[in-house]
């Protein structure tokens, strides 16, 4: 059964939880906001039919290795685009799934041309984590993992949350000021 979108793509739409927080104080947290990666994939398929693996590699190449979408992101996106009727997936001569744009998909791209063109020319912003040294990215990931584990173990204890928040803010201030 084909699902219909509720309206045109809104590449810069904010989630309901973000809307209640007021204006964003920092740059985008992600390279792609909700729905943007699907629109990029559709725009790429509009340029030429592609296999899922080719899409992954093309996106990785587009961002000079700084971003590579996982198969767990690409293949569900392709399934969604197919369910929407925007692409048709058919086996090629080697029985590999090849995605082609449909007339409905071409119309959707045309209706969202400005956003699609921006996505096709987007680069990684200077403040994106992909531009950080590998050891810094690994350390950031270690901090996030430690926080998740500690929060899961504390059971939302207000004192623990307050102490963690204070530690993180103090560390952020030290990093920003250049203190060692």
C-alpha atoms as a PDB file:
ATOM      1  CA  UNK A   1       0.000   0.000   0.000  1.00  0.00           C
ATOM      2  CA  UNK A   2       1.379   3.368  -1.030  1.00  0.00           C
ATOM      3  CA  UNK A   3       1.591   6.048   1.660  1.00  0.00           C
ATOM      4  CA  UNK A   4       1.092   9.674   0.749  1.00  0.00           C
ATOM      5  CA  UNK A   5       3.091  12.463   2.358  1.00  0.00           C
ATOM      6  CA  UNK A   6       1.174  15.071   4.279  1.00  0.00           C
ATOM      7  CA  UNK A   7       2.742  17.852   2.218  1.00  0.00           C
ATOM      8  CA  UNK A   8       5.904  18.918   0.465  1.00  0.00           C
ATOM      9  CA  UNK A   9       9.294  18.096   1.940  1.00  0.00           C
ATOM     10  CA  UNK A  10      10.239  20.439   4.714  1.00  0.00           C
ATOM     11  CA  UNK A  11      13.990  20.054   4.793  1.00  0.00           C
ATOM     12  CA  UNK A  12      14.495  22.456   7.668  1.00  0.00           C
ATOM     13  CA  UNK A  13      11.458  21.512   9.730  1.00  0.00           C
ATOM     14  CA  UNK A  14      12.034  21.074  13.422  1.00  0.00           C
ATOM     15  CA  UNK A  15      10.698  18.165  15.430  1.00  0.00           C
ATOM     16  CA  UNK A  16       7.936  18.795  17.940  1.00  0.00           C
ATOM     17  CA  UNK A  17      10.405  18.524  20.829  1.00  0.00           C
ATOM     18  CA  UNK A  18      12.706  21.111  19.196  1.00  0.00           C
ATOM     19  CA  UNK A  19       9.839  23.563  18.579  1.00  0.00           C
ATOM     20  CA  UNK A  20       9.272  23.922  22.306  1.00  0.00           C
ATOM     21  CA  UNK A  21      12.900  24.707  23.068  1.00  0.00           C
ATOM     22  CA  UNK A  22      13.010  28.050  21.245  1.00  0.00           C
ATOM     23  CA  UNK A  23      15.547  29.020  18.624  1.00  0.00           C
ATOM     24  CA  UNK A  24      18.588  26.830  18.129  1.00  0.00           C
ATOM     25  CA  UNK A  25      21.682  28.282  19.773  1.00  0.00           C
ATOM     26  CA  UNK A  26      24.242  26.254  17.864  1.00  0.00           C
ATOM     27  CA  UNK A  27      24.649  25.042  14.316  1.00  0.00           C
ATOM     28  CA  UNK A  28      22.832  21.979  13.054  1.00  0.00           C
ATOM     29  CA  UNK A  29      23.445  18.902  15.175  1.00  0.00           C
ATOM     30  CA  UNK A  30      23.277  16.610  12.173  1.00  0.00           C
ATOM     31  CA  UNK A  31      24.404  16.804   8.614  1.00  0.00           C
ATOM     32  CA  UNK A  32      20.822  16.022   7.547  1.00  0.00           C
ATOM     33  CA  UNK A  33      17.586  17.028   9.203  1.00  0.00           C
ATOM     34  CA  UNK A  34      14.513  14.781   9.109  1.00  0.00           C
ATOM     35  CA  UNK A  35      13.654  13.786   5.531  1.00  0.00           C
ATOM     36  CA  UNK A  36      16.664  15.439   3.917  1.00  0.00           C
ATOM     37  CA  UNK A  37      18.634  12.244   3.332  1.00  0.00           C
ATOM     38  CA  UNK A  38      15.633  10.662   1.587  1.00  0.00           C
ATOM     39  CA  UNK A  39      15.319  13.737  -0.626  1.00  0.00           C
ATOM     40  CA  UNK A  40      19.054  13.580  -1.420  1.00  0.00           C
ATOM     41  CA  UNK A  41      18.761   9.893  -2.314  1.00  0.00           C
ATOM     42  CA  UNK A  42      15.773  10.609  -4.553  1.00  0.00           C
ATOM     43  CA  UNK A  43      17.607  13.497  -6.236  1.00  0.00           C
ATOM     44  CA  UNK A  44      20.607  11.221  -6.863  1.00  0.00           C
ATOM     45  CA  UNK A  45      18.378   8.536  -8.362  1.00  0.00           C
ATOM     46  CA  UNK A  46      16.757  11.240 -10.514  1.00  0.00           C
ATOM     47  CA  UNK A  47      20.238  11.934 -11.931  1.00  0.00           C
ATOM     48  CA  UNK A  48      20.743   8.250 -12.775  1.00  0.00           C
ATOM     49  CA  UNK A  49      19.382   4.866 -11.642  1.00  0.00           C
ATOM     50  CA  UNK A  50      21.421   3.472  -8.755  1.00  0.00           C
ATOM     51  CA  UNK A  51      21.961   0.476  -6.497  1.00  0.00           C
ATOM     52  CA  UNK A  52      21.912   0.976  -2.725  1.00  0.00           C
ATOM     53  CA  UNK A  53      25.654   0.356  -2.439  1.00  0.00           C
ATOM     54  CA  UNK A  54      26.312   2.946  -5.157  1.00  0.00           C
ATOM     55  CA  UNK A  55      24.278   5.484  -3.212  1.00  0.00           C
ATOM     56  CA  UNK A  56      26.282   4.812  -0.041  1.00  0.00           C
ATOM     57  CA  UNK A  57      29.580   5.207  -1.896  1.00  0.00           C
ATOM     58  CA  UNK A  58      28.426   8.315  -3.798  1.00  0.00           C
ATOM     59  CA  UNK A  59      27.375  10.051  -0.579  1.00  0.00           C
ATOM     60  CA  UNK A  60      30.630   9.084   1.128  1.00  0.00           C
ATOM     61  CA  UNK A  61      32.561  10.451  -1.852  1.00  0.00           C
ATOM     62  CA  UNK A  62      30.451  13.633  -1.931  1.00  0.00           C
ATOM     63  CA  UNK A  63      31.533  14.349   1.664  1.00  0.00           C
ATOM     64  CA  UNK A  64      35.166  13.303   1.132  1.00  0.00           C
ATOM     65  CA  UNK A  65      34.825  10.382   3.544  1.00  0.00           C
ATOM     66  CA  UNK A  66      33.618  12.661   6.354  1.00  0.00           C
ATOM     67  CA  UNK A  67      30.178  11.079   6.264  1.00  0.00           C
ATOM     68  CA  UNK A  68      29.175   7.625   5.092  1.00  0.00           C
ATOM     69  CA  UNK A  69      25.572   6.532   5.603  1.00  0.00           C
ATOM     70  CA  UNK A  70      25.122   3.005   6.849  1.00  0.00           C
ATOM     71  CA  UNK A  71      23.122   0.367   4.979  1.00  0.00           C
ATOM     72  CA  UNK A  72      20.723   0.528   7.946  1.00  0.00           C
ATOM     73  CA  UNK A  73      19.878   4.089   6.894  1.00  0.00           C
ATOM     74  CA  UNK A  74      20.002   3.781   3.098  1.00  0.00           C
ATOM     75  CA  UNK A  75      17.962   0.617   2.538  1.00  0.00           C
ATOM     76  CA  UNK A  76      15.001   1.630   4.726  1.00  0.00           C
ATOM     77  CA  UNK A  77      15.055   5.014   2.945  1.00  0.00           C
ATOM     78  CA  UNK A  78      14.908   3.242  -0.415  1.00  0.00           C
ATOM     79  CA  UNK A  79      12.004   1.116   0.845  1.00  0.00           C
ATOM     80  CA  UNK A  80      10.175   4.256   1.969  1.00  0.00           C
ATOM     81  CA  UNK A  81      10.749   5.937  -1.406  1.00  0.00           C
ATOM     82  CA  UNK A  82       9.423   2.823  -3.143  1.00  0.00           C
ATOM     83  CA  UNK A  83       6.349   2.663  -0.861  1.00  0.00           C
ATOM     84  CA  UNK A  84       5.663   6.316  -1.662  1.00  0.00           C
ATOM     85  CA  UNK A  85       5.785   5.515  -5.368  1.00  0.00           C
ATOM     86  CA  UNK A  86       8.762   7.822  -5.937  1.00  0.00           C
ATOM     87  CA  UNK A  87      11.066   5.045  -7.155  1.00  0.00           C
ATOM     88  CA  UNK A  88      10.673   1.667  -8.773  1.00  0.00           C
ATOM     89  CA  UNK A  89      13.082  -1.066  -7.755  1.00  0.00           C
ATOM     90  CA  UNK A  90      13.816  -3.724 -10.346  1.00  0.00           C
ATOM     91  CA  UNK A  91      16.540  -6.301 -10.821  1.00  0.00           C
ATOM     92  CA  UNK A  92      19.350  -5.369 -13.202  1.00  0.00           C
ATOM     93  CA  UNK A  93      21.147  -7.825 -15.513  1.00  0.00           C
ATOM     94  CA  UNK A  94      23.027  -9.231 -12.476  1.00  0.00           C
ATOM     95  CA  UNK A  95      19.823  -9.586 -10.413  1.00  0.00           C
ATOM     96  CA  UNK A  96      20.901  -6.664  -8.165  1.00  0.00           C
ATOM     97  CA  UNK A  97      18.179  -4.205  -7.132  1.00  0.00           C
ATOM     98  CA  UNK A  98      18.321  -1.047  -9.220  1.00  0.00           C
ATOM     99  CA  UNK A  99      16.306   2.010  -8.188  1.00  0.00           C
ATOM    100  CA  UNK A 100      14.798   4.237 -10.888  1.00  0.00           C
ATOM    101  CA  UNK A 101      12.794   7.393 -10.405  1.00  0.00           C
ATOM    102  CA  UNK A 102       9.093   7.291 -11.276  1.00  0.00           C
ATOM    103  CA  UNK A 103       6.993  10.088 -12.741  1.00  0.00           C
ATOM    104  CA  UNK A 104       5.620  10.696  -9.240  1.00  0.00           C
ATOM    105  CA  UNK A 105       9.163  10.893  -7.867  1.00  0.00           C
ATOM    106  CA  UNK A 106      10.210  13.311 -10.609  1.00  0.00           C
ATOM    107  CA  UNK A 107       7.209  15.496  -9.766  1.00  0.00           C
ATOM    108  CA  UNK A 108       8.154  15.432  -6.077  1.00  0.00           C
ATOM    109  CA  UNK A 109      11.737  16.448  -6.928  1.00  0.00           C
ATOM    110  CA  UNK A 110      10.442  19.274  -9.102  1.00  0.00           C
ATOM    111  CA  UNK A 111       8.124  20.466  -6.320  1.00  0.00           C
ATOM    112  CA  UNK A 112      11.121  20.481  -3.971  1.00  0.00           C
ATOM    113  CA  UNK A 113      13.756  21.595  -6.487  1.00  0.00           C
ATOM    114  CA  UNK A 114      15.397  24.254  -4.283  1.00  0.00           C
ATOM    115  CA  UNK A 115      15.865  21.873  -1.361  1.00  0.00           C
ATOM    116  CA  UNK A 116      17.045  19.044  -3.641  1.00  0.00           C
ATOM    117  CA  UNK A 117      19.600  21.300  -5.346  1.00  0.00           C
ATOM    118  CA  UNK A 118      20.900  22.480  -1.969  1.00  0.00           C
ATOM    119  CA  UNK A 119      21.313  18.884  -0.825  1.00  0.00           C
ATOM    120  CA  UNK A 120      23.127  17.936  -4.031  1.00  0.00           C
ATOM    121  CA  UNK A 121      25.687  20.694  -3.393  1.00  0.00           C
ATOM    122  CA  UNK A 122      25.873  20.501   0.420  1.00  0.00           C
ATOM    123  CA  UNK A 123      29.267  20.081   2.034  1.00  0.00           C
ATOM    124  CA  UNK A 124      30.204  19.263   5.593  1.00  0.00           C
ATOM    125  CA  UNK A 125      29.990  22.430   7.699  1.00  0.00           C
ATOM    126  CA  UNK A 126      33.254  23.530   9.333  1.00  0.00           C
ATOM    127  CA  UNK A 127      31.913  22.776  12.833  1.00  0.00           C
ATOM    128  CA  UNK A 128      30.826  19.210  11.964  1.00  0.00           C
ATOM    129  CA  UNK A 129      32.476  16.418  13.921  1.00  0.00           C
ATOM    130  CA  UNK A 130      33.777  14.858  10.702  1.00  0.00           C
ATOM    131  CA  UNK A 131      36.308  17.706  10.561  1.00  0.00           C
ATOM    132  CA  UNK A 132      37.661  16.940  14.048  1.00  0.00           C
ATOM    133  CA  UNK A 133      40.771  14.806  14.577  1.00  0.00           C
ATOM    134  CA  UNK A 134      39.963  11.105  14.903  1.00  0.00           C
ATOM    135  CA  UNK A 135      41.103  10.931  18.529  1.00  0.00           C
ATOM    136  CA  UNK A 136      38.798  13.831  19.481  1.00  0.00           C
ATOM    137  CA  UNK A 137      35.808  12.152  17.803  1.00  0.00           C
ATOM    138  CA  UNK A 138      36.630   8.915  19.667  1.00  0.00           C
ATOM    139  CA  UNK A 139      36.856  10.814  22.968  1.00  0.00           C
ATOM    140  CA  UNK A 140      33.491  12.510  22.262  1.00  0.00           C
ATOM    141  CA  UNK A 141      31.959   9.092  21.644  1.00  0.00           C
ATOM    142  CA  UNK A 142      33.494   7.788  24.895  1.00  0.00           C
ATOM    143  CA  UNK A 143      31.901  10.657  26.828  1.00  0.00           C
ATOM    144  CA  UNK A 144      28.483  10.024  25.270  1.00  0.00           C
ATOM    145  CA  UNK A 145      28.696   6.299  26.068  1.00  0.00           C
ATOM    146  CA  UNK A 146      29.765   6.984  29.662  1.00  0.00           C
ATOM    147  CA  UNK A 147      26.879   9.439  30.090  1.00  0.00           C
ATOM    148  CA  UNK A 148      24.332   6.992  28.708  1.00  0.00           C
ATOM    149  CA  UNK A 149      25.592   4.230  31.004  1.00  0.00           C
ATOM    150  CA  UNK A 150      25.641   6.481  34.062  1.00  0.00           C
ATOM    151  CA  UNK A 151      22.163   7.871  33.361  1.00  0.00           C
ATOM    152  CA  UNK A 152      20.784   4.376  32.844  1.00  0.00           C
ATOM    153  CA  UNK A 153      22.294   3.283  36.163  1.00  0.00           C
ATOM    154  CA  UNK A 154      21.192   6.307  38.226  1.00  0.00           C
ATOM    155  CA  UNK A 155      17.471   5.985  37.524  1.00  0.00           C
ATOM    156  CA  UNK A 156      17.019   9.734  36.934  1.00  0.00           C
ATOM    157  CA  UNK A 157      18.426  10.623  40.363  1.00  0.00           C
ATOM    158  CA  UNK A 158      18.243  14.435  40.440  1.00  0.00           C
ATOM    159  CA  UNK A 159      21.515  14.779  42.386  1.00  0.00           C
ATOM    160  CA  UNK A 160      23.420  12.646  39.870  1.00  0.00           C
ATOM    161  CA  UNK A 161      21.919  14.558  36.944  1.00  0.00           C
ATOM    162  CA  UNK A 162      22.825  17.886  38.549  1.00  0.00           C
ATOM    163  CA  UNK A 163      26.414  16.732  39.243  1.00  0.00           C
ATOM    164  CA  UNK A 164      26.848  15.414  35.680  1.00  0.00           C
ATOM    165  CA  UNK A 165      25.432  18.629  34.227  1.00  0.00           C
ATOM    166  CA  UNK A 166      27.827  20.733  36.310  1.00  0.00           C
ATOM    167  CA  UNK A 167      30.807  18.558  35.291  1.00  0.00           C
ATOM    168  CA  UNK A 168      29.904  18.820  31.620  1.00  0.00           C
ATOM    169  CA  UNK A 169      29.386  22.588  31.747  1.00  0.00           C
ATOM    170  CA  UNK A 170      32.662  23.121  33.611  1.00  0.00           C
ATOM    171  CA  UNK A 171      34.502  20.916  31.100  1.00  0.00           C
ATOM    172  CA  UNK A 172      32.899  22.775  28.183  1.00  0.00           C
ATOM    173  CA  UNK A 173      33.961  26.122  29.649  1.00  0.00           C
ATOM    174  CA  UNK A 174      37.543  24.869  30.159  1.00  0.00           C
ATOM    175  CA  UNK A 175      37.709  23.610  26.570  1.00  0.00           C
ATOM    176  CA  UNK A 176      36.248  26.847  25.187  1.00  0.00           C
ATOM    177  CA  UNK A 177      38.647  29.020  27.190  1.00  0.00           C
ATOM    178  CA  UNK A 178      41.666  26.986  26.156  1.00  0.00           C
ATOM    179  CA  UNK A 179      42.435  25.835  29.712  1.00  0.00           C
ATOM    180  CA  UNK A 180      44.301  22.544  29.914  1.00  0.00           C
END
